[in-house]
């Protein structure tokens, strides 16, 4: 039954993304920036609704008060979420009150319709094979977009990790946060419980999203700052999804 529902969900994605992306591409001729971003978020809401209605994937959020509300204008944060699934890439823009600027691999731009629409947004797409060039682009465009009122979102592990496991936390997000004086908000997400990595078979259940308090960056070193982000996320993951981490120990800050 999960396979059948998942197939229906994939069809839902295809049927909805094509006209939505065409509308975004046409609209981008006349407008860019924030209006176009929220137009795309409308499709993401449709996706998250479809995951719940078709596959029974529900979610619960705690700690949303830890990010600045929309009324605070340009108060910026850098979001650093746990990365287990495609789900959080779709869901987080629907939860946050400000436009998000993703840092992502440029290959996503090649996906028909979805990638074409993404290419019209204020995002940072990088060539991960050229690390120095990629970092320079992240630093330059990250500073630019945050000055415009966007929040940058970077997955510290870089890629999706299986449920109950931990990837290598890279210091790029911490380096950008320190360079721009922007607090980091760590986020724990148990999305692999319902939507595992490298799979389009969704299973019904509850995804927990826990948003931590902003971590100040003044006077910090990138590696030391990222260890604190890592410790919070991994400790929170074990609290939210204890059965997935039997015997595993959360990392400690130095």
C-alpha atoms as a PDB file:
ATOM      1  CA  UNK A   1       0.000   0.000   0.000  1.00  0.00           C
ATOM      2  CA  UNK A   2       2.868   2.412   0.777  1.00  0.00           C
ATOM      3  CA  UNK A   3       4.274   1.836  -2.704  1.00  0.00           C
ATOM      4  CA  UNK A   4       0.929   2.598  -4.354  1.00  0.00           C
ATOM      5  CA  UNK A   5       0.439   5.765  -2.321  1.00  0.00           C
ATOM      6  CA  UNK A   6       3.994   6.852  -3.038  1.00  0.00           C
ATOM      7  CA  UNK A   7       3.431   6.388  -6.764  1.00  0.00           C
ATOM      8  CA  UNK A   8       0.328   8.564  -6.522  1.00  0.00           C
ATOM      9  CA  UNK A   9       2.373  11.150  -4.645  1.00  0.00           C
ATOM     10  CA  UNK A  10       5.056  11.200  -7.358  1.00  0.00           C
ATOM     11  CA  UNK A  11       2.323  11.672  -9.957  1.00  0.00           C
ATOM     12  CA  UNK A  12       0.989  14.517  -7.801  1.00  0.00           C
ATOM     13  CA  UNK A  13       4.428  16.165  -7.877  1.00  0.00           C
ATOM     14  CA  UNK A  14       4.689  15.877 -11.659  1.00  0.00           C
ATOM     15  CA  UNK A  15       1.141  17.020 -12.383  1.00  0.00           C
ATOM     16  CA  UNK A  16       1.448  20.081 -10.160  1.00  0.00           C
ATOM     17  CA  UNK A  17       5.045  21.146 -10.807  1.00  0.00           C
ATOM     18  CA  UNK A  18       4.753  21.490 -14.587  1.00  0.00           C
ATOM     19  CA  UNK A  19       2.030  24.173 -14.732  1.00  0.00           C
ATOM     20  CA  UNK A  20       3.369  25.852 -11.572  1.00  0.00           C
ATOM     21  CA  UNK A  21       6.903  26.074 -12.975  1.00  0.00           C
ATOM     22  CA  UNK A  22       5.633  27.432 -16.289  1.00  0.00           C
ATOM     23  CA  UNK A  23       3.683  30.093 -14.394  1.00  0.00           C
ATOM     24  CA  UNK A  24       6.832  30.989 -12.396  1.00  0.00           C
ATOM     25  CA  UNK A  25       8.930  31.258 -15.550  1.00  0.00           C
ATOM     26  CA  UNK A  26       6.360  33.550 -17.161  1.00  0.00           C
ATOM     27  CA  UNK A  27       6.011  35.630 -13.989  1.00  0.00           C
ATOM     28  CA  UNK A  28       9.800  35.976 -13.754  1.00  0.00           C
ATOM     29  CA  UNK A  29       9.705  38.070 -16.921  1.00  0.00           C
ATOM     30  CA  UNK A  30       7.836  40.753 -14.975  1.00  0.00           C
ATOM     31  CA  UNK A  31       8.968  40.296 -11.361  1.00  0.00           C
ATOM     32  CA  UNK A  32      11.805  38.771  -9.376  1.00  0.00           C
ATOM     33  CA  UNK A  33      12.826  38.508  -5.752  1.00  0.00           C
ATOM     34  CA  UNK A  34      10.336  38.135  -2.920  1.00  0.00           C
ATOM     35  CA  UNK A  35       7.054  37.910  -4.934  1.00  0.00           C
ATOM     36  CA  UNK A  36       8.469  35.126  -7.107  1.00  0.00           C
ATOM     37  CA  UNK A  37       9.826  33.309  -4.045  1.00  0.00           C
ATOM     38  CA  UNK A  38       6.438  33.189  -2.313  1.00  0.00           C
ATOM     39  CA  UNK A  39       4.864  32.041  -5.556  1.00  0.00           C
ATOM     40  CA  UNK A  40       7.203  29.036  -5.494  1.00  0.00           C
ATOM     41  CA  UNK A  41       6.472  28.422  -1.810  1.00  0.00           C
ATOM     42  CA  UNK A  42       2.832  28.038  -2.840  1.00  0.00           C
ATOM     43  CA  UNK A  43       3.815  24.905  -4.762  1.00  0.00           C
ATOM     44  CA  UNK A  44       5.830  23.601  -1.807  1.00  0.00           C
ATOM     45  CA  UNK A  45       2.711  23.907   0.359  1.00  0.00           C
ATOM     46  CA  UNK A  46       0.879  21.816  -2.231  1.00  0.00           C
ATOM     47  CA  UNK A  47       3.653  19.185  -2.012  1.00  0.00           C
ATOM     48  CA  UNK A  48       3.574  19.005   1.791  1.00  0.00           C
ATOM     49  CA  UNK A  49      -0.228  18.798   1.716  1.00  0.00           C
ATOM     50  CA  UNK A  50       0.020  15.980  -0.823  1.00  0.00           C
ATOM     51  CA  UNK A  51       2.492  14.057   1.352  1.00  0.00           C
ATOM     52  CA  UNK A  52       0.019  14.235   4.232  1.00  0.00           C
ATOM     53  CA  UNK A  53      -3.185  13.599   2.292  1.00  0.00           C
ATOM     54  CA  UNK A  54      -1.836  10.837   0.048  1.00  0.00           C
ATOM     55  CA  UNK A  55       0.875   9.177   2.143  1.00  0.00           C
ATOM     56  CA  UNK A  56      -0.082  10.085   5.719  1.00  0.00           C
ATOM     57  CA  UNK A  57       3.127  12.046   6.388  1.00  0.00           C
ATOM     58  CA  UNK A  58       2.335  14.514   9.160  1.00  0.00           C
ATOM     59  CA  UNK A  59       4.650  16.878  10.998  1.00  0.00           C
ATOM     60  CA  UNK A  60       4.951  18.736  14.271  1.00  0.00           C
ATOM     61  CA  UNK A  61       7.104  21.817  14.899  1.00  0.00           C
ATOM     62  CA  UNK A  62       8.560  23.077  18.155  1.00  0.00           C
ATOM     63  CA  UNK A  63      10.748  26.109  18.736  1.00  0.00           C
ATOM     64  CA  UNK A  64       9.390  28.311  15.959  1.00  0.00           C
ATOM     65  CA  UNK A  65       9.602  31.216  18.420  1.00  0.00           C
ATOM     66  CA  UNK A  66      13.397  30.932  18.136  1.00  0.00           C
ATOM     67  CA  UNK A  67      13.459  32.577  14.704  1.00  0.00           C
ATOM     68  CA  UNK A  68      12.689  36.283  14.227  1.00  0.00           C
ATOM     69  CA  UNK A  69       9.066  36.908  13.192  1.00  0.00           C
ATOM     70  CA  UNK A  70       8.188  38.563   9.895  1.00  0.00           C
ATOM     71  CA  UNK A  71       7.535  41.824  11.751  1.00  0.00           C
ATOM     72  CA  UNK A  72      11.253  42.176  12.536  1.00  0.00           C
ATOM     73  CA  UNK A  73      12.038  42.977   8.931  1.00  0.00           C
ATOM     74  CA  UNK A  74      15.669  42.338   8.013  1.00  0.00           C
ATOM     75  CA  UNK A  75      16.726  40.565  11.232  1.00  0.00           C
ATOM     76  CA  UNK A  76      18.755  37.750   9.710  1.00  0.00           C
ATOM     77  CA  UNK A  77      19.661  34.230  10.806  1.00  0.00           C
ATOM     78  CA  UNK A  78      21.447  31.370   9.108  1.00  0.00           C
ATOM     79  CA  UNK A  79      19.544  28.088   9.292  1.00  0.00           C
ATOM     80  CA  UNK A  80      21.564  24.878   9.770  1.00  0.00           C
ATOM     81  CA  UNK A  81      19.227  21.849   9.584  1.00  0.00           C
ATOM     82  CA  UNK A  82      19.829  18.139   9.912  1.00  0.00           C
ATOM     83  CA  UNK A  83      19.532  16.620   6.428  1.00  0.00           C
ATOM     84  CA  UNK A  84      17.842  13.213   6.169  1.00  0.00           C
ATOM     85  CA  UNK A  85      15.368  13.587   3.354  1.00  0.00           C
ATOM     86  CA  UNK A  86      13.918  15.616   0.513  1.00  0.00           C
ATOM     87  CA  UNK A  87      11.044  16.465   2.868  1.00  0.00           C
ATOM     88  CA  UNK A  88      12.835  19.241   4.791  1.00  0.00           C
ATOM     89  CA  UNK A  89      14.001  20.956   1.616  1.00  0.00           C
ATOM     90  CA  UNK A  90      10.339  21.283   0.643  1.00  0.00           C
ATOM     91  CA  UNK A  91       8.921  21.949   4.113  1.00  0.00           C
ATOM     92  CA  UNK A  92      11.249  24.524   5.680  1.00  0.00           C
ATOM     93  CA  UNK A  93      10.336  27.386   3.294  1.00  0.00           C
ATOM     94  CA  UNK A  94       6.670  26.803   4.174  1.00  0.00           C
ATOM     95  CA  UNK A  95       7.472  27.108   7.901  1.00  0.00           C
ATOM     96  CA  UNK A  96       9.722  30.156   7.904  1.00  0.00           C
ATOM     97  CA  UNK A  97       8.379  33.753   7.885  1.00  0.00           C
ATOM     98  CA  UNK A  98      11.208  35.070   5.659  1.00  0.00           C
ATOM     99  CA  UNK A  99      12.461  34.087   2.206  1.00  0.00           C
ATOM    100  CA  UNK A 100      15.175  31.436   2.346  1.00  0.00           C
ATOM    101  CA  UNK A 101      18.232  31.338   0.144  1.00  0.00           C
ATOM    102  CA  UNK A 102      19.421  27.757  -0.309  1.00  0.00           C
ATOM    103  CA  UNK A 103      23.009  26.768  -1.003  1.00  0.00           C
ATOM    104  CA  UNK A 104      22.757  23.767  -3.311  1.00  0.00           C
ATOM    105  CA  UNK A 105      24.622  21.831  -5.989  1.00  0.00           C
ATOM    106  CA  UNK A 106      24.148  23.295  -9.443  1.00  0.00           C
ATOM    107  CA  UNK A 107      23.051  19.921 -10.897  1.00  0.00           C
ATOM    108  CA  UNK A 108      19.585  20.541  -9.437  1.00  0.00           C
ATOM    109  CA  UNK A 109      19.108  23.294 -12.004  1.00  0.00           C
ATOM    110  CA  UNK A 110      19.087  20.648 -14.719  1.00  0.00           C
ATOM    111  CA  UNK A 111      15.871  19.010 -13.435  1.00  0.00           C
ATOM    112  CA  UNK A 112      13.110  19.892 -15.928  1.00  0.00           C
ATOM    113  CA  UNK A 113      10.591  22.476 -14.726  1.00  0.00           C
ATOM    114  CA  UNK A 114      11.583  22.244 -11.022  1.00  0.00           C
ATOM    115  CA  UNK A 115      15.198  23.243 -11.648  1.00  0.00           C
ATOM    116  CA  UNK A 116      14.267  25.816 -14.262  1.00  0.00           C
ATOM    117  CA  UNK A 117      12.009  27.590 -11.769  1.00  0.00           C
ATOM    118  CA  UNK A 118      14.689  27.404  -9.054  1.00  0.00           C
ATOM    119  CA  UNK A 119      17.096  29.107 -11.417  1.00  0.00           C
ATOM    120  CA  UNK A 120      14.897  32.216 -11.392  1.00  0.00           C
ATOM    121  CA  UNK A 121      15.122  32.614  -7.599  1.00  0.00           C
ATOM    122  CA  UNK A 122      17.762  34.241  -5.400  1.00  0.00           C
ATOM    123  CA  UNK A 123      19.631  31.046  -4.536  1.00  0.00           C
ATOM    124  CA  UNK A 124      23.306  30.071  -4.383  1.00  0.00           C
ATOM    125  CA  UNK A 125      24.099  27.175  -6.707  1.00  0.00           C
ATOM    126  CA  UNK A 126      27.654  25.890  -6.550  1.00  0.00           C
ATOM    127  CA  UNK A 127      29.983  23.476  -8.293  1.00  0.00           C
ATOM    128  CA  UNK A 128      31.018  21.197  -5.444  1.00  0.00           C
ATOM    129  CA  UNK A 129      34.025  19.914  -7.415  1.00  0.00           C
ATOM    130  CA  UNK A 130      35.609  23.393  -7.149  1.00  0.00           C
ATOM    131  CA  UNK A 131      35.708  23.977  -3.407  1.00  0.00           C
ATOM    132  CA  UNK A 132      37.607  27.265  -3.287  1.00  0.00           C
ATOM    133  CA  UNK A 133      35.491  28.782  -6.037  1.00  0.00           C
ATOM    134  CA  UNK A 134      32.330  27.455  -4.396  1.00  0.00           C
ATOM    135  CA  UNK A 135      33.199  29.018  -1.022  1.00  0.00           C
ATOM    136  CA  UNK A 136      33.981  32.379  -2.628  1.00  0.00           C
ATOM    137  CA  UNK A 137      30.555  32.319  -4.293  1.00  0.00           C
ATOM    138  CA  UNK A 138      28.803  31.360  -1.055  1.00  0.00           C
ATOM    139  CA  UNK A 139      30.558  34.165   0.851  1.00  0.00           C
ATOM    140  CA  UNK A 140      29.850  36.826  -1.778  1.00  0.00           C
ATOM    141  CA  UNK A 141      26.260  35.929  -2.614  1.00  0.00           C
ATOM    142  CA  UNK A 142      25.383  34.957   0.957  1.00  0.00           C
ATOM    143  CA  UNK A 143      26.368  38.400   2.183  1.00  0.00           C
ATOM    144  CA  UNK A 144      24.452  40.019  -0.684  1.00  0.00           C
ATOM    145  CA  UNK A 145      21.234  38.065  -0.185  1.00  0.00           C
ATOM    146  CA  UNK A 146      21.217  38.463   3.592  1.00  0.00           C
ATOM    147  CA  UNK A 147      21.608  42.224   3.130  1.00  0.00           C
ATOM    148  CA  UNK A 148      18.449  42.060   1.003  1.00  0.00           C
ATOM    149  CA  UNK A 149      16.515  40.393   3.838  1.00  0.00           C
ATOM    150  CA  UNK A 150      16.870  36.724   2.880  1.00  0.00           C
ATOM    151  CA  UNK A 151      17.887  34.031   5.326  1.00  0.00           C
ATOM    152  CA  UNK A 152      20.552  31.645   4.099  1.00  0.00           C
ATOM    153  CA  UNK A 153      19.993  27.930   4.727  1.00  0.00           C
ATOM    154  CA  UNK A 154      22.881  25.455   4.578  1.00  0.00           C
ATOM    155  CA  UNK A 155      22.864  21.752   5.428  1.00  0.00           C
ATOM    156  CA  UNK A 156      26.072  21.292   7.481  1.00  0.00           C
ATOM    157  CA  UNK A 157      26.384  17.613   6.525  1.00  0.00           C
ATOM    158  CA  UNK A 158      26.214  18.557   2.863  1.00  0.00           C
ATOM    159  CA  UNK A 159      24.147  15.561   1.834  1.00  0.00           C
ATOM    160  CA  UNK A 160      21.324  13.422   3.172  1.00  0.00           C
ATOM    161  CA  UNK A 161      22.180  10.865   5.859  1.00  0.00           C
ATOM    162  CA  UNK A 162      20.307   7.636   6.726  1.00  0.00           C
ATOM    163  CA  UNK A 163      18.067   7.542   9.765  1.00  0.00           C
ATOM    164  CA  UNK A 164      20.062   7.019  12.940  1.00  0.00           C
ATOM    165  CA  UNK A 165      23.374   8.060  11.404  1.00  0.00           C
ATOM    166  CA  UNK A 166      25.518  11.165  11.385  1.00  0.00           C
ATOM    167  CA  UNK A 167      27.387  12.743   8.514  1.00  0.00           C
ATOM    168  CA  UNK A 168      30.484  14.918   8.656  1.00  0.00           C
ATOM    169  CA  UNK A 169      29.599  18.424   9.753  1.00  0.00           C
ATOM    170  CA  UNK A 170      31.477  20.859   7.531  1.00  0.00           C
ATOM    171  CA  UNK A 171      32.376  24.361   8.703  1.00  0.00           C
ATOM    172  CA  UNK A 172      31.023  26.303   5.682  1.00  0.00           C
ATOM    173  CA  UNK A 173      27.867  27.473   7.447  1.00  0.00           C
ATOM    174  CA  UNK A 174      29.856  28.578  10.484  1.00  0.00           C
ATOM    175  CA  UNK A 175      32.366  30.437   8.293  1.00  0.00           C
ATOM    176  CA  UNK A 176      29.585  32.310   6.513  1.00  0.00           C
ATOM    177  CA  UNK A 177      27.811  33.118   9.771  1.00  0.00           C
ATOM    178  CA  UNK A 178      31.009  34.521  11.299  1.00  0.00           C
ATOM    179  CA  UNK A 179      31.870  36.480   8.149  1.00  0.00           C
ATOM    180  CA  UNK A 180      28.464  38.147   8.131  1.00  0.00           C
ATOM    181  CA  UNK A 181      27.902  38.364  11.911  1.00  0.00           C
ATOM    182  CA  UNK A 182      24.733  36.285  11.552  1.00  0.00           C
ATOM    183  CA  UNK A 183      23.485  33.950  14.325  1.00  0.00           C
ATOM    184  CA  UNK A 184      23.121  30.249  13.453  1.00  0.00           C
ATOM    185  CA  UNK A 185      19.842  28.469  14.180  1.00  0.00           C
ATOM    186  CA  UNK A 186      20.312  24.678  14.466  1.00  0.00           C
ATOM    187  CA  UNK A 187      17.361  22.513  13.383  1.00  0.00           C
ATOM    188  CA  UNK A 188      16.729  18.821  14.061  1.00  0.00           C
ATOM    189  CA  UNK A 189      14.402  16.971  11.656  1.00  0.00           C
ATOM    190  CA  UNK A 190      13.344  13.303  11.841  1.00  0.00           C
ATOM    191  CA  UNK A 191      12.185  13.167   8.222  1.00  0.00           C
ATOM    192  CA  UNK A 192      13.842   9.828   7.370  1.00  0.00           C
ATOM    193  CA  UNK A 193      11.292   8.203   9.646  1.00  0.00           C
ATOM    194  CA  UNK A 194       8.739   8.739   6.846  1.00  0.00           C
ATOM    195  CA  UNK A 195      10.772   9.599   3.729  1.00  0.00           C
ATOM    196  CA  UNK A 196      14.194   7.867   3.665  1.00  0.00           C
ATOM    197  CA  UNK A 197      17.082   9.196   1.604  1.00  0.00           C
ATOM    198  CA  UNK A 198      17.350   8.004  -1.985  1.00  0.00           C
ATOM    199  CA  UNK A 199      13.794   6.660  -1.860  1.00  0.00           C
ATOM    200  CA  UNK A 200      10.416   7.778  -3.098  1.00  0.00           C
ATOM    201  CA  UNK A 201       8.535   5.318  -0.915  1.00  0.00           C
ATOM    202  CA  UNK A 202       6.894   7.421   1.777  1.00  0.00           C
ATOM    203  CA  UNK A 203       5.501   5.817   4.915  1.00  0.00           C
ATOM    204  CA  UNK A 204       2.842   7.320   7.185  1.00  0.00           C
ATOM    205  CA  UNK A 205       3.992   8.803  10.449  1.00  0.00           C
ATOM    206  CA  UNK A 206       4.945  11.942  12.330  1.00  0.00           C
ATOM    207  CA  UNK A 207       8.008  14.012  11.419  1.00  0.00           C
ATOM    208  CA  UNK A 208       9.370  16.064  14.303  1.00  0.00           C
ATOM    209  CA  UNK A 209      10.958  19.440  13.595  1.00  0.00           C
ATOM    210  CA  UNK A 210      12.810  21.091  16.476  1.00  0.00           C
ATOM    211  CA  UNK A 211      14.238  24.599  16.034  1.00  0.00           C
ATOM    212  CA  UNK A 212      16.993  25.604  18.453  1.00  0.00           C
ATOM    213  CA  UNK A 213      17.816  28.996  19.844  1.00  0.00           C
ATOM    214  CA  UNK A 214      20.099  31.215  17.729  1.00  0.00           C
ATOM    215  CA  UNK A 215      23.775  30.685  18.512  1.00  0.00           C
ATOM    216  CA  UNK A 216      25.812  33.906  18.611  1.00  0.00           C
ATOM    217  CA  UNK A 217      28.898  33.967  16.399  1.00  0.00           C
ATOM    218  CA  UNK A 218      30.884  36.964  17.657  1.00  0.00           C
ATOM    219  CA  UNK A 219      34.410  35.995  18.678  1.00  0.00           C
ATOM    220  CA  UNK A 220      33.984  32.371  17.593  1.00  0.00           C
ATOM    221  CA  UNK A 221      36.151  30.108  15.443  1.00  0.00           C
ATOM    222  CA  UNK A 222      34.382  28.208  12.621  1.00  0.00           C
ATOM    223  CA  UNK A 223      35.290  24.682  13.748  1.00  0.00           C
ATOM    224  CA  UNK A 224      34.446  25.348  17.375  1.00  0.00           C
ATOM    225  CA  UNK A 225      31.154  26.993  16.409  1.00  0.00           C
ATOM    226  CA  UNK A 226      30.189  24.096  14.158  1.00  0.00           C
ATOM    227  CA  UNK A 227      30.928  21.600  16.956  1.00  0.00           C
ATOM    228  CA  UNK A 228      28.347  23.407  19.079  1.00  0.00           C
ATOM    229  CA  UNK A 229      25.805  23.309  16.240  1.00  0.00           C
ATOM    230  CA  UNK A 230      26.543  19.616  15.703  1.00  0.00           C
ATOM    231  CA  UNK A 231      26.231  18.769  19.390  1.00  0.00           C
ATOM    232  CA  UNK A 232      22.838  20.481  19.658  1.00  0.00           C
ATOM    233  CA  UNK A 233      21.423  18.858  16.525  1.00  0.00           C
ATOM    234  CA  UNK A 234      22.674  15.347  17.262  1.00  0.00           C
ATOM    235  CA  UNK A 235      21.595  15.470  20.901  1.00  0.00           C
ATOM    236  CA  UNK A 236      18.151  16.685  19.847  1.00  0.00           C
ATOM    237  CA  UNK A 237      17.904  13.976  17.168  1.00  0.00           C
ATOM    238  CA  UNK A 238      18.426  11.327  19.844  1.00  0.00           C
ATOM    239  CA  UNK A 239      15.703  12.890  21.964  1.00  0.00           C
ATOM    240  CA  UNK A 240      13.216  13.096  19.091  1.00  0.00           C
ATOM    241  CA  UNK A 241      13.941   9.683  17.552  1.00  0.00           C
ATOM    242  CA  UNK A 242      15.512   7.525  20.295  1.00  0.00           C
ATOM    243  CA  UNK A 243      14.732   4.172  18.658  1.00  0.00           C
ATOM    244  CA  UNK A 244      16.884   5.135  15.665  1.00  0.00           C
ATOM    245  CA  UNK A 245      19.953   5.847  17.825  1.00  0.00           C
ATOM    246  CA  UNK A 246      20.147   2.851  20.149  1.00  0.00           C
ATOM    247  CA  UNK A 247      23.603   2.824  21.705  1.00  0.00           C
ATOM    248  CA  UNK A 248      24.791   5.926  19.828  1.00  0.00           C
ATOM    249  CA  UNK A 249      26.383   8.763  21.777  1.00  0.00           C
ATOM    250  CA  UNK A 250      25.856  12.412  20.874  1.00  0.00           C
ATOM    251  CA  UNK A 251      29.002  14.473  20.245  1.00  0.00           C
ATOM    252  CA  UNK A 252      30.208  16.831  22.934  1.00  0.00           C
ATOM    253  CA  UNK A 253      31.385  20.410  22.537  1.00  0.00           C
ATOM    254  CA  UNK A 254      35.033  21.104  23.161  1.00  0.00           C
END
